[in-house]
Protein backbone atom coordinates (compact mmCIF):
# COMPACT_ATOMS: atom_id res chain seq x y z
CA MET A 1 57.17 103.06 149.98
CA SER A 2 60.45 104.43 147.35
CA GLY A 3 57.74 103.55 144.62
CA GLU A 4 55.23 106.11 145.66
CA SER A 5 56.33 108.23 142.35
CA GLN A 6 57.28 105.32 140.41
CA THR A 7 54.37 102.79 138.39
CA ALA A 8 54.53 99.09 139.79
CA ALA A 9 56.59 98.17 136.39
CA GLN A 10 59.05 101.12 137.09
CA TYR A 11 59.14 100.58 140.96
CA ILE A 12 59.67 96.20 139.64
CA GLN A 13 62.83 97.04 137.65
CA HIS A 14 64.76 99.26 140.05
CA HIS A 15 64.65 96.87 142.24
CA LEU A 16 65.89 94.03 140.13
CA GLN A 17 68.51 96.11 138.97
CA ASN A 18 72.52 96.50 140.35
CA MET A 19 74.65 99.28 141.00
CA THR A 20 77.20 99.42 137.95
CA PHE A 21 80.08 100.27 137.82
CA GLY A 22 81.85 100.90 134.03
CA LYS A 23 83.18 102.40 131.78
CA PHE A 24 80.69 104.34 129.45
CA PRO A 25 81.34 102.93 125.91
CA GLU A 26 81.32 105.48 121.84
CA GLY A 27 78.24 107.42 121.86
CA HIS A 28 77.72 108.34 125.04
CA GLU A 29 78.19 111.63 126.05
CA GLN A 30 80.74 110.32 129.03
CA ALA A 31 82.54 108.01 126.48
CA GLY A 32 85.66 106.69 127.66
CA GLN A 33 85.01 107.61 131.11
CA TRP A 34 84.16 105.20 134.60
CA GLY A 35 81.29 106.01 136.07
CA LEU A 36 78.13 104.69 138.08
CA ALA A 37 75.08 103.77 135.52
CA HIS A 38 72.28 105.98 135.35
CA THR A 39 69.83 103.66 134.25
CA ALA A 40 70.17 99.61 133.18
CA ALA A 41 70.88 100.76 129.43
CA GLU A 42 73.71 102.21 130.57
CA ALA A 43 74.64 98.92 132.85
CA LYS A 44 73.43 96.96 129.79
CA SER A 45 76.53 99.10 127.17
CA MET A 46 79.34 99.47 130.14
CA GLY A 47 80.12 95.63 128.81
CA PHE A 48 81.65 92.48 130.74
CA MET A 49 84.24 94.60 132.81
CA ALA A 50 81.49 96.10 134.88
CA ILE A 51 81.45 95.55 138.35
CA HIS A 52 78.00 95.49 140.12
CA VAL A 53 79.71 97.50 142.86
CA ASP A 54 76.68 96.45 145.70
CA THR A 55 76.84 92.04 144.93
CA MET A 56 80.68 92.76 145.98
CA PHE A 57 80.19 94.83 149.10
CA TRP A 58 77.57 93.26 150.73
CA SER A 59 79.54 89.91 150.07
CA ILE A 60 82.83 91.08 151.02
CA PHE A 61 81.24 92.49 153.86
CA LEU A 62 79.39 89.47 155.37
CA GLY A 63 82.58 87.62 155.00
CA VAL A 64 84.19 89.59 156.81
CA LEU A 65 81.75 89.60 159.43
CA PHE A 66 81.56 85.67 159.38
CA LEU A 67 85.31 85.47 159.55
CA PHE A 68 84.92 88.30 162.93
CA LEU A 69 82.21 86.22 164.29
CA PHE A 70 84.27 83.05 164.36
CA LYS A 71 87.36 84.80 164.96
CA LYS A 72 86.21 86.43 168.19
CA VAL A 73 84.27 82.99 169.59
CA ALA A 74 87.89 80.74 168.59
CA ASN A 75 89.76 83.19 170.55
CA SER A 76 87.23 83.63 173.42
CA ALA A 77 86.27 79.76 173.75
CA THR A 78 87.02 78.15 176.92
CA SER A 79 86.78 74.39 178.37
CA GLY A 80 84.67 75.14 181.01
CA VAL A 81 81.01 76.39 180.69
CA PRO A 82 80.08 78.17 177.34
CA GLY A 83 78.21 81.61 176.60
CA GLY A 84 75.21 80.56 173.50
CA MET A 85 77.71 82.02 171.37
CA GLN A 86 79.95 79.82 171.71
CA ASN A 87 77.57 76.62 171.74
CA PHE A 88 76.16 78.08 168.25
CA VAL A 89 78.94 78.31 166.48
CA GLU A 90 80.57 75.40 167.49
CA MET A 91 76.75 73.31 166.52
CA ILE A 92 77.18 75.41 163.33
CA VAL A 93 81.10 73.81 162.83
CA GLU A 94 79.62 70.00 164.36
CA PHE A 95 77.76 70.04 161.57
CA ALA A 96 79.32 71.06 159.18
CA ASP A 97 81.85 68.56 159.87
CA SER A 98 79.32 65.40 160.11
CA SER A 99 78.09 66.69 156.66
CA VAL A 100 81.32 66.11 155.23
CA LYS A 101 82.00 62.96 157.58
CA GLY A 102 78.42 62.20 155.75
CA ALA A 103 79.73 62.16 152.38
CA PHE A 104 83.37 62.39 151.39
CA ASN A 105 85.53 59.77 151.81
CA GLY A 106 88.74 61.07 150.91
CA ARG A 107 91.23 62.53 153.62
CA ASN A 108 91.23 66.09 152.88
CA PRO A 109 91.58 69.08 155.95
CA PHE A 110 91.08 71.68 153.51
CA ILE A 111 87.53 70.39 152.57
CA ALA A 112 85.75 70.80 156.30
CA PRO A 113 86.60 74.54 156.56
CA MET A 114 85.42 74.71 153.67
CA ALA A 115 82.21 73.34 153.88
CA LEU A 116 82.13 75.21 157.27
CA THR A 117 82.75 78.61 155.13
CA ILE A 118 80.48 78.11 152.24
CA PHE A 119 76.98 76.99 154.17
CA VAL A 120 78.01 80.30 156.14
CA TRP A 121 78.75 82.14 153.80
CA VAL A 122 75.28 81.66 151.90
CA PHE A 123 73.60 81.51 154.71
CA LEU A 124 74.57 85.72 155.87
CA ILE A 125 74.14 86.72 152.05
CA ASN A 126 70.94 85.04 151.26
CA PHE A 127 69.60 85.85 155.10
CA MET A 128 69.64 89.83 153.64
CA ASP A 129 65.87 88.42 151.88
CA LEU A 130 64.80 88.99 155.31
CA ILE A 131 65.26 93.04 155.63
CA PRO A 132 62.57 94.95 154.05
CA VAL A 133 63.11 95.23 150.58
CA ASP A 134 62.61 99.91 150.83
CA TRP A 135 64.79 100.01 154.24
CA LEU A 136 68.39 99.43 152.51
CA PRO A 137 67.73 101.00 149.00
CA SER A 138 65.59 103.95 150.69
CA ALA A 139 68.79 104.37 152.81
CA ALA A 140 71.24 105.10 149.56
CA GLY A 141 69.06 107.02 147.48
CA TRP A 142 68.79 109.22 150.23
CA ILE A 143 72.24 109.26 151.06
CA GLY A 144 72.95 108.99 147.10
CA HIS A 145 70.71 112.19 146.37
CA ASN A 146 71.84 114.24 149.96
CA LEU A 147 75.34 113.64 149.70
CA PHE A 148 76.20 113.51 146.26
CA GLY A 149 73.23 115.48 144.05
CA MET A 150 71.98 111.78 142.86
CA ASP A 151 68.20 111.13 141.45
CA PRO A 152 66.99 108.91 144.34
CA HIS A 153 65.75 107.19 141.06
CA HIS A 154 68.83 106.21 139.57
CA VAL A 155 70.66 104.78 143.10
CA TYR A 156 70.08 101.34 142.67
CA PHE A 157 71.62 99.34 145.29
CA LYS A 158 70.36 95.81 145.87
CA VAL A 159 71.39 93.83 149.00
CA VAL A 160 70.74 90.30 148.39
CA PRO A 161 73.91 89.03 146.53
CA SER A 162 72.76 85.69 145.60
CA THR A 163 70.01 87.42 143.19
CA ASP A 164 73.02 88.30 141.36
CA PRO A 165 73.75 85.58 138.19
CA ASN A 166 76.86 86.53 138.52
CA ALA A 167 77.68 86.00 142.52
CA THR A 168 76.35 82.66 142.56
CA PHE A 169 78.42 81.69 138.83
CA GLY A 170 81.39 82.57 140.19
CA MET A 171 80.57 80.74 143.57
CA ALA A 172 79.98 77.56 141.31
CA LEU A 173 82.94 78.38 139.07
CA SER A 174 84.97 78.28 141.80
CA VAL A 175 84.01 74.89 143.82
CA PHE A 176 84.55 73.75 139.53
CA MET A 177 87.79 74.81 139.35
CA LEU A 178 88.98 73.54 143.17
CA THR A 179 87.04 70.39 142.00
CA LEU A 180 89.24 70.09 138.17
CA TYR A 181 92.92 70.49 140.47
CA TYR A 182 91.67 67.63 142.87
CA SER A 183 90.18 65.17 139.72
CA PHE A 184 93.55 65.63 138.04
CA LYS A 185 95.82 65.73 141.27
CA GLN A 186 94.13 62.39 142.20
CA LYS A 187 93.92 60.86 139.03
CA GLY A 188 97.05 62.38 136.75
CA PHE A 189 95.73 63.43 133.32
CA ILE A 190 95.83 59.76 132.18
CA GLY A 191 93.45 58.56 134.95
CA PHE A 192 91.26 62.27 134.07
CA ALA A 193 90.94 61.45 130.32
CA GLY A 194 89.87 57.88 131.26
CA GLU A 195 87.28 59.05 133.46
CA LEU A 196 86.01 61.22 130.60
CA THR A 197 86.10 58.06 128.04
CA LEU A 198 85.42 55.47 128.64
CA HIS A 199 82.43 55.54 131.01
CA PRO A 200 79.50 55.54 130.93
CA PHE A 201 79.58 52.41 127.65
CA SER A 202 82.73 50.42 127.60
CA SER A 203 83.38 47.41 125.78
CA ASP A 204 86.59 44.57 125.60
CA ASN A 205 86.40 45.23 121.67
CA LYS A 206 89.06 46.88 121.04
CA LEU A 207 87.96 49.05 118.08
CA LEU A 208 84.27 49.27 119.51
CA GLN A 209 85.65 51.03 122.65
CA LEU A 210 87.00 53.46 119.62
CA VAL A 211 83.32 54.39 118.49
CA PHE A 212 82.56 54.93 122.66
CA ILE A 213 84.98 57.14 123.08
CA PRO A 214 83.44 60.48 121.66
CA ILE A 215 80.30 58.81 122.99
CA ASN A 216 81.44 58.75 126.37
CA PHE A 217 83.30 62.35 126.46
CA VAL A 218 80.29 64.16 125.10
CA LEU A 219 77.87 62.76 127.87
CA GLU A 220 80.65 63.35 130.13
CA PHE A 221 82.11 66.51 129.63
CA VAL A 222 78.21 68.15 129.06
CA ALA A 223 77.45 66.38 132.95
CA LEU A 224 80.42 67.75 133.92
CA LEU A 225 79.35 71.40 133.50
CA ALA A 226 76.18 70.79 134.24
CA LYS A 227 77.53 70.21 137.81
CA PRO A 228 78.62 74.08 138.08
CA LEU A 229 74.96 75.38 135.75
CA SER A 230 72.59 73.49 139.02
CA LEU A 231 74.54 74.83 141.19
CA SER A 232 75.09 78.46 140.27
CA LEU A 233 71.16 78.05 138.34
CA ARG A 234 69.57 76.95 141.46
CA LEU A 235 70.63 79.38 144.61
CA TYR A 236 69.86 82.17 142.30
CA GLY A 237 66.89 80.30 141.14
CA ASN A 238 65.77 80.22 144.80
CA MET A 239 66.57 83.28 145.37
CA PHE A 240 65.53 86.50 142.54
CA ALA A 241 62.01 84.04 143.17
CA GLY A 242 61.96 85.25 146.78
CA GLU A 243 62.90 88.23 146.20
CA MET A 244 60.36 89.21 143.22
CA ILE A 245 57.39 87.93 146.33
CA PHE A 246 58.96 90.78 148.66
CA ILE A 247 59.14 93.11 145.73
CA LEU A 248 55.04 92.31 144.66
CA ILE A 249 54.23 92.77 148.39
CA ALA A 250 55.94 95.41 148.83
CA LEU A 251 53.47 97.19 146.19
CA MET A 252 50.92 96.45 147.94
CA TYR A 253 52.07 99.28 150.65
CA GLY A 254 50.88 101.70 147.97
CA GLY A 255 47.31 100.23 147.27
CA GLY A 256 45.74 101.72 150.31
CA TRP A 257 45.37 100.71 154.16
CA ILE A 258 43.38 97.54 153.45
CA THR A 259 45.34 96.49 151.27
CA GLY A 260 48.85 97.28 153.19
CA ILE A 261 47.40 95.20 156.03
CA PHE A 262 46.91 92.72 153.86
CA GLY A 263 50.48 93.07 152.47
CA GLY A 264 51.65 93.17 156.17
CA PHE A 265 50.60 89.69 156.58
CA MET A 266 51.41 88.13 153.83
CA GLN A 267 55.38 89.33 153.82
CA LEU A 268 55.50 88.33 157.95
CA GLY A 269 54.43 84.97 156.50
CA TRP A 270 56.40 84.67 153.41
CA ALA A 271 59.20 85.94 155.44
CA ILE A 272 58.74 82.79 158.21
CA PHE A 273 59.05 80.60 155.15
CA HIS A 274 61.74 82.01 153.29
CA ILE A 275 63.84 81.16 156.15
CA LEU A 276 63.49 77.63 155.52
CA ILE A 277 64.42 78.41 151.81
CA ILE A 278 67.66 80.23 152.63
CA THR A 279 68.45 77.27 155.32
CA LEU A 280 67.55 74.99 152.80
CA GLN A 281 69.95 76.74 149.90
CA ALA A 282 72.99 77.35 151.98
CA TYR A 283 72.46 73.92 152.77
CA ILE A 284 72.21 72.27 149.64
CA PHE A 285 75.43 74.73 147.95
CA MET A 286 77.58 73.20 151.23
CA THR A 287 76.64 69.56 150.06
CA LEU A 288 76.89 69.17 146.73
CA THR A 289 79.91 70.94 147.02
CA ILE A 290 81.18 68.28 149.32
CA VAL A 291 79.78 65.78 146.72
CA TYR A 292 81.95 66.84 143.72
CA MET A 293 84.75 67.12 145.39
CA ASP A 294 84.37 63.74 146.91
CA LEU A 295 83.60 62.22 143.03
CA ALA A 296 87.04 63.66 142.45
CA TYR A 297 88.57 61.99 144.69
CA GLN A 298 86.94 58.47 143.12
CA THR A 299 88.89 56.49 140.96
CA SER A 300 87.72 54.38 137.72
CA GLU A 301 87.33 51.96 140.54
CA ASP A 302 84.84 53.92 141.87
CA HIS A 303 82.55 54.09 139.04
């Protein structure tokens, strides 16, 4: 395994560090220049404008893969006896469509394609967690060492974008912005402001209602911000925990053939169970998105 010359702690830290590209700060020998961080400390010092190259690469690659496969099936679809791939795609499309019909009461042709995209894309991102933890990082280390002369221990390559909170927060914020957009579009500024200030406490007494307005705003505003936080942290937390278990199991391969065999059985068992987790997390992310969009279409009369 790639951690043979590393301690267990170094091995874990290496697998949890993203490939970070950014601008080196003042005091660094490459100050003012842009490049890849060689240590976790360098990555941290690059600040907010740094980019996690591995997260961006796999997110975009898997998104393009999803579009390519589904477009290919759509172009070759037949009304006769469908092939296996067409059956599979139709099943996923019908699943996403039925989820929207069951949870979204408005009328918007954008919601079903968005739900389908979210489910498949998040599933593919999560599915990367089933690839043995050393395979792709070791390949990246080999390429970095043999083609660019880099120390393989300084080549970081995380392959599961959903274990990066930047990715999950980015997706959740996109959903949040769409929710705000449709809330304003459906209810107008006055209606949306009323939703934040007139619930859950209300009174026919005008003076008492004025007292309730700031209380309602605090409660509703916290609930509003909790949506993207819960959406992102739920996905990140579950996938990060799963990745950590795979890393800890991988450490067992360096402890001799007995622990290696035991680790192999553990890895197989956890991988089988993890198939359920990655599917469930994709489904939850899709379902909550549909629910949040439905709430954006609800008026004050629906509360």
